[in-house]
Amino acid sequence: MEKQNNNLKIISLGGFGHVTKNMFVYETPQDILIVDCGMGFPDEEMLGVDLVIPDITYLKDKYTKIRGIVLTHGHEDHIGALPYLLPKLPKVPIFGSRLVLALLQEKLKENRLMADLREINRQKELSLGSDFKINFIQVTHSIPETFHFFIKTPYGNIYHGTDFKFDWTPIDGARVEVEKMVEASRQGVLFLLSDCLRSERGGHTPSEHNLIDIFEREIRKARGRFIVTTMSSNISRLKTAIDVSRKFGRRVALVGRSIERVIKISRSLGYINFPENLEVKVDKVKNYPPRQVTLLVAGSQAQTGSALDRIASGEHRHINIQPGDTVVFSSDYIPGNESSIQLLVDLLMRKGAEVSYMDISEDLHVSGHGAQDDLSLLISLVKPQFLLPIGGGFRQMKQYALLAQRMGYKKEVILLPQSSDIICVGKGRVSIGGKIEAREVMVDGLGVGDVGKVILRDREVLAKEGVAIAILGIDQNNSSLVFGPEIVSRGFIYGQIRDGREILDLAREEAKAVLVDTKNKLTNLKIIREKIQSRLEKFFYKTTGRWPMVLVVVIKV
């Protein structure tokens, strides 16, 4: 580990081999540069968890070295953790484009936070500390103002290639700055970190422009309201839906806070032309003929409580699904959300909607991530000596490595680190050396990081097996039994019969038997609780084959 002190270290606090939680630390002995600070989605077994964020424990005692957080673009998996982590990163300046800072400012307002936000000039080099000089290279993605970073350091030049594709006909007209990629190559790129999410797909990723024809096809088929759901931060997709709706004489309603927020910002910055006379407020939709209305609805991933979830379940104040409605899912499935989305599609169809989704119409969505030909083109343009795939799972990292090998790169110069590995960059070389300690930091309601494995295990037991609670009262003067034990259960059994008797009645007798064994002298409450808990756990497993969580509550009277 000692020899790392003279290196540049690169660490992913969200973990290498993960699609989300993007947060990269570039560290020299003098300075730290942080690139992005994103959130992730909880796994299915993370019951009750809202989102997952990077673990910044590594930065403890290093705050004085942090020169800034620089943001590549405005998607949640790149900026979404900032409201939760900024209180732990006091006075660290945040650099980004006009759009990303506007999106971030709205998030900070919601959380009543202040931050030192500084807009970048993409035509000028940004110097941070003595060791980092950053040049900004505009690329195309599903949100405007996405940038790659050409980072010059004393240890070698690094190209940080976040989410991108080569879209030669972008919706917003902002072209890929290929000439800057070539200039980076001319100056020399030691190390390329590249998006790899679609490395399993051959060819080029299609242009966002292709979706104009697809949306026109779908809107022509719509007998009633045209309902589009996509990722709320996919500004290009929202623009396409609005432009097509205007062409076909439909007014547009925005349903969901996240979409309202993004449209408001995109309007103000000129990325979406959405005149006020084209918009209809959600509570006024009912006043228009169905064929004259488009709804842009948040909740394409079937998030519980999202606008689309509430509409499908009949819980939205103003919008209900009607026969003749057409619902278009214009987004990829985020891994882990497939079953929830399929259930939502079923529910919408049962209510009479015509639903178009990826399983039956793959052309409804165009990815913002480059396929193999996009990835190989970037490699050819910047000509790195070493490569590291980022922004994908290990299988995508592996496919990226095979792609680079087909281009003539040796296996030894393509790094495939484990989640918590440290990348060491020295003069003319890059290697893996050491690990950091990191864990999943879960956000649950207002709590950040206070949900651990024990709590998740308890929640899993509660969800799968239920809970049984034994309640008894004792006299605080003589320790004799006053009442109970009474037993109640939730999510476990109700009125279940065994040998002609209710199981909870039998369980009550089991608990009483423990008290008889102690001759009703309840002086050691800890032992009594443990004995009743153990006896009931064994009884319930023997009679039902299940292990509910058993809680014993003793009330002093």
Foldseek 3Di string as FASTA:
>chain_A
DVVLQQWWKKWALQFFQAQFQGWIWTDHNQAIEIEFWAWADDFPLQPQFGTWHGDCPVCVVVLVRYQAYEYQDADRSGHVCCLVCDVVNPQHEYEFAPLNVLNNVVVCVVSVHDHRYDYDDQCDWDDTPPFWIWHWWAAFFLAGRGTWIFIGGPLFIEIEAPFHFQACDAPQPDHGRLVVLLVLQVVAHAEYAHAQAAQVDDDKFYYLVVLLVVLLVQLVPQQFAEEEEEALRRLSVVQSNLVSLVVQQAAEEEAFPSNVSNVVSCVVVVSHDHDPVSHDYLQCPVVDTRSRYYYYFYQLLLDPPGRLVCQLVVNDPRHHQAARYEYERAYDHDPNSVVSNVVSVVSSVVRHYHYHYCVVPVVSYTGRGTYLVRLVVSCVSNVYLAYEYGSHHLVSRVSVLVSVVVVPHDSVRYDRDGTFWMWTRGRSDIDTDDGDDTDIWTHRPPDTRPDDPVNSVLVVLCQPAWEKEFEWEAAPPQQATDDDRQIDTDPHDDQDDDPRDGLRVVLRVQLVVLCVVVVRRCPPVVVSFVVSQVSSQVSCCVVPVGRHHYGYHYHHD
